[in-house]
C-alpha cells in the first residue's frame, strides 16, 4: 500500500512538495507505478522553474515520464546521488530519493493534502 505523508503537499501529476525546505520528489504511488527507476534527468542548480511546467524526466524500465514543478522558483540543490543510484527514488521516495530543492518565487497553487491525494490515486 502506498504511503501518504502529511508533511508534504501533492500535485495531481504525482510529485510532492515540502513547503518547509522547498524539497520536491515523486510520490510513493508514482514510483510504484513506474517500476524500477533507471535514470533521472534534473535541471542544474540555478535553473528557473515555472509552476506546472516540466523540469526534468524520470525513466523506468516501463516508461519515461515528465516531472512537473509544484511551485515556481530557482533550483537551489539537486540530488546528485541519483546519478549513480536512481533506484533511491524507489527505496526512499520521501527521503533519500528526493529530486531537487527550490527557492520558491511564489506560493504553490492547486496542491493537494494527503487525504485529497489519497482519494485521487484510489479513485474515490
C-alpha atoms as a PDB file:
ATOM      1  CA  UNK A   1       0.000   0.000   0.000  1.00  0.00           C
ATOM      2  CA  UNK A   2       1.290   3.462  -0.925  1.00  0.00           C
ATOM      3  CA  UNK A   3       2.458   5.978   1.679  1.00  0.00           C
ATOM      4  CA  UNK A   4       0.810   9.398   2.053  1.00  0.00           C
ATOM      5  CA  UNK A   5       2.905  11.507   4.450  1.00  0.00           C
ATOM      6  CA  UNK A   6       1.101  14.517   5.895  1.00  0.00           C
ATOM      7  CA  UNK A   7       4.148  16.819   5.957  1.00  0.00           C
ATOM      8  CA  UNK A   8       4.127  17.309   2.173  1.00  0.00           C
ATOM      9  CA  UNK A   9       1.687  18.651  -0.416  1.00  0.00           C
ATOM     10  CA  UNK A  10       0.931  16.730  -3.601  1.00  0.00           C
ATOM     11  CA  UNK A  11       0.368  17.540  -7.257  1.00  0.00           C
ATOM     12  CA  UNK A  12      -2.210  15.727  -9.398  1.00  0.00           C
ATOM     13  CA  UNK A  13       0.801  14.692 -11.564  1.00  0.00           C
ATOM     14  CA  UNK A  14       2.268  12.739  -8.592  1.00  0.00           C
ATOM     15  CA  UNK A  15       5.046  14.982  -7.350  1.00  0.00           C
ATOM     16  CA  UNK A  16       5.310  16.045  -3.721  1.00  0.00           C
ATOM     17  CA  UNK A  17       6.478  19.356  -2.268  1.00  0.00           C
ATOM     18  CA  UNK A  18       7.719  20.043   1.262  1.00  0.00           C
ATOM     19  CA  UNK A  19       6.994  23.714   1.906  1.00  0.00           C
ATOM     20  CA  UNK A  20       9.353  23.978   4.901  1.00  0.00           C
ATOM     21  CA  UNK A  21      12.522  23.366   2.875  1.00  0.00           C
ATOM     22  CA  UNK A  22      11.437  23.559  -0.785  1.00  0.00           C
ATOM     23  CA  UNK A  23      12.127  19.884  -1.485  1.00  0.00           C
ATOM     24  CA  UNK A  24      10.427  18.199  -4.452  1.00  0.00           C
ATOM     25  CA  UNK A  25      10.185  14.486  -5.220  1.00  0.00           C
ATOM     26  CA  UNK A  26       7.914  11.881  -6.766  1.00  0.00           C
ATOM     27  CA  UNK A  27       5.276  10.180  -4.674  1.00  0.00           C
ATOM     28  CA  UNK A  28       5.317   6.613  -3.461  1.00  0.00           C
ATOM     29  CA  UNK A  29       2.341   5.953  -5.732  1.00  0.00           C
ATOM     30  CA  UNK A  30       4.281   7.302  -8.742  1.00  0.00           C
ATOM     31  CA  UNK A  31       7.407   5.256  -8.101  1.00  0.00           C
ATOM     32  CA  UNK A  32       5.296   2.106  -7.654  1.00  0.00           C
ATOM     33  CA  UNK A  33       3.502   2.809 -10.945  1.00  0.00           C
ATOM     34  CA  UNK A  34       6.759   3.493 -12.779  1.00  0.00           C
ATOM     35  CA  UNK A  35       8.540   0.371 -11.583  1.00  0.00           C
ATOM     36  CA  UNK A  36      12.325   0.271 -11.292  1.00  0.00           C
ATOM     37  CA  UNK A  37      13.728   3.759 -11.859  1.00  0.00           C
ATOM     38  CA  UNK A  38      16.875   3.624 -14.007  1.00  0.00           C
ATOM     39  CA  UNK A  39      17.574   7.301 -14.815  1.00  0.00           C
ATOM     40  CA  UNK A  40      16.552  10.757 -13.635  1.00  0.00           C
ATOM     41  CA  UNK A  41      17.231  13.924 -15.641  1.00  0.00           C
ATOM     42  CA  UNK A  42      17.181  17.018 -13.439  1.00  0.00           C
ATOM     43  CA  UNK A  43      17.812  20.729 -14.028  1.00  0.00           C
ATOM     44  CA  UNK A  44      21.030  22.449 -12.995  1.00  0.00           C
ATOM     45  CA  UNK A  45      21.336  24.449  -9.811  1.00  0.00           C
ATOM     46  CA  UNK A  46      20.233  27.985 -10.631  1.00  0.00           C
ATOM     47  CA  UNK A  47      17.676  26.959 -13.259  1.00  0.00           C
ATOM     48  CA  UNK A  48      14.352  28.775 -13.015  1.00  0.00           C
ATOM     49  CA  UNK A  49      11.218  26.631 -12.763  1.00  0.00           C
ATOM     50  CA  UNK A  50       7.686  27.600 -13.693  1.00  0.00           C
ATOM     51  CA  UNK A  51       4.875  26.083 -11.627  1.00  0.00           C
ATOM     52  CA  UNK A  52       3.025  23.356 -13.511  1.00  0.00           C
ATOM     53  CA  UNK A  53       5.683  23.057 -16.222  1.00  0.00           C
ATOM     54  CA  UNK A  54       8.080  20.126 -16.779  1.00  0.00           C
ATOM     55  CA  UNK A  55      11.510  20.449 -15.152  1.00  0.00           C
ATOM     56  CA  UNK A  56      13.010  17.039 -15.941  1.00  0.00           C
ATOM     57  CA  UNK A  57      12.261  13.415 -16.684  1.00  0.00           C
ATOM     58  CA  UNK A  58      12.257  10.123 -14.851  1.00  0.00           C
ATOM     59  CA  UNK A  59      12.919   6.885 -16.703  1.00  0.00           C
ATOM     60  CA  UNK A  60      11.969   3.428 -15.537  1.00  0.00           C
ATOM     61  CA  UNK A  61      12.067   0.001 -17.086  1.00  0.00           C
ATOM     62  CA  UNK A  62       8.477   0.695 -18.199  1.00  0.00           C
ATOM     63  CA  UNK A  63       8.481   4.285 -19.492  1.00  0.00           C
ATOM     64  CA  UNK A  64       9.827   7.834 -19.464  1.00  0.00           C
ATOM     65  CA  UNK A  65       7.724  10.477 -17.703  1.00  0.00           C
ATOM     66  CA  UNK A  66       7.970  14.227 -17.326  1.00  0.00           C
ATOM     67  CA  UNK A  67       8.459  15.747 -13.880  1.00  0.00           C
ATOM     68  CA  UNK A  68       6.275  18.791 -13.147  1.00  0.00           C
ATOM     69  CA  UNK A  69       7.161  21.684 -10.832  1.00  0.00           C
ATOM     70  CA  UNK A  70       4.665  22.116  -7.988  1.00  0.00           C
ATOM     71  CA  UNK A  71       5.945  25.660  -7.461  1.00  0.00           C
ATOM     72  CA  UNK A  72       7.929  28.199  -9.438  1.00  0.00           C
ATOM     73  CA  UNK A  73      11.360  29.285  -8.313  1.00  0.00           C
ATOM     74  CA  UNK A  74      15.095  28.851  -8.665  1.00  0.00           C
ATOM     75  CA  UNK A  75      16.706  25.415  -8.194  1.00  0.00           C
ATOM     76  CA  UNK A  76      18.805  25.612  -5.016  1.00  0.00           C
ATOM     77  CA  UNK A  77      20.012  21.984  -4.886  1.00  0.00           C
ATOM     78  CA  UNK A  78      19.910  18.807  -6.960  1.00  0.00           C
ATOM     79  CA  UNK A  79      20.119  15.298  -5.534  1.00  0.00           C
ATOM     80  CA  UNK A  80      23.358  14.321  -7.281  1.00  0.00           C
ATOM     81  CA  UNK A  81      23.273  10.870  -5.636  1.00  0.00           C
ATOM     82  CA  UNK A  82      20.550   9.901  -8.115  1.00  0.00           C
ATOM     83  CA  UNK A  83      23.068   9.964 -10.980  1.00  0.00           C
ATOM     84  CA  UNK A  84      24.682   6.816  -9.570  1.00  0.00           C
ATOM     85  CA  UNK A  85      21.690   5.463  -7.628  1.00  0.00           C
ATOM     86  CA  UNK A  86      18.418   6.348  -9.371  1.00  0.00           C
ATOM     87  CA  UNK A  87      16.810   3.418  -7.541  1.00  0.00           C
ATOM     88  CA  UNK A  88      16.817   5.587  -4.394  1.00  0.00           C
ATOM     89  CA  UNK A  89      13.581   7.037  -5.778  1.00  0.00           C
ATOM     90  CA  UNK A  90      12.044   3.567  -5.389  1.00  0.00           C
ATOM     91  CA  UNK A  91      13.541   2.834  -1.963  1.00  0.00           C
ATOM     92  CA  UNK A  92      13.042   6.236  -0.321  1.00  0.00           C
ATOM     93  CA  UNK A  93      10.619   8.395  -2.309  1.00  0.00           C
ATOM     94  CA  UNK A  94      10.121  10.832   0.609  1.00  0.00           C
ATOM     95  CA  UNK A  95      13.684  10.627   1.947  1.00  0.00           C
ATOM     96  CA  UNK A  96      16.948   9.957   0.115  1.00  0.00           C
ATOM     97  CA  UNK A  97      15.104   9.753  -3.221  1.00  0.00           C
ATOM     98  CA  UNK A  98      14.223  13.466  -3.277  1.00  0.00           C
ATOM     99  CA  UNK A  99      14.871  15.209  -6.597  1.00  0.00           C
ATOM    100  CA  UNK A 100      15.512  18.936  -6.153  1.00  0.00           C
ATOM    101  CA  UNK A 101      15.161  21.809  -3.686  1.00  0.00           C
ATOM    102  CA  UNK A 102      13.867  25.175  -4.802  1.00  0.00           C
ATOM    103  CA  UNK A 103      13.814  28.716  -3.519  1.00  0.00           C
ATOM    104  CA  UNK A 104      10.176  29.425  -4.371  1.00  0.00           C
ATOM    105  CA  UNK A 105       9.243  32.623  -6.171  1.00  0.00           C
ATOM    106  CA  UNK A 106       5.624  32.499  -5.067  1.00  0.00           C
ATOM    107  CA  UNK A 107       3.043  30.437  -3.300  1.00  0.00           C
ATOM    108  CA  UNK A 108       2.184  26.998  -4.669  1.00  0.00           C
ATOM    109  CA  UNK A 109      -1.330  26.667  -6.049  1.00  0.00           C
ATOM    110  CA  UNK A 110      -3.539  23.695  -6.704  1.00  0.00           C
ATOM    111  CA  UNK A 111      -1.709  21.300  -4.394  1.00  0.00           C
ATOM    112  CA  UNK A 112      -3.474  18.529  -2.530  1.00  0.00           C
ATOM    113  CA  UNK A 113      -3.188  17.489   1.097  1.00  0.00           C
ATOM    114  CA  UNK A 114      -2.567  13.828   1.970  1.00  0.00           C
ATOM    115  CA  UNK A 115      -6.258  12.935   2.211  1.00  0.00           C
ATOM    116  CA  UNK A 116      -7.156  14.535  -1.121  1.00  0.00           C
ATOM    117  CA  UNK A 117      -4.179  12.912  -2.836  1.00  0.00           C
ATOM    118  CA  UNK A 118      -5.118   9.502  -1.418  1.00  0.00           C
ATOM    119  CA  UNK A 119      -8.640   9.924  -2.810  1.00  0.00           C
ATOM    120  CA  UNK A 120      -7.175  10.885  -6.198  1.00  0.00           C
ATOM    121  CA  UNK A 121      -4.962   7.817  -6.514  1.00  0.00           C
ATOM    122  CA  UNK A 122      -7.547   5.456  -5.051  1.00  0.00           C
ATOM    123  CA  UNK A 123     -10.212   6.841  -7.368  1.00  0.00           C
ATOM    124  CA  UNK A 124     -12.653   7.636  -4.582  1.00  0.00           C
END
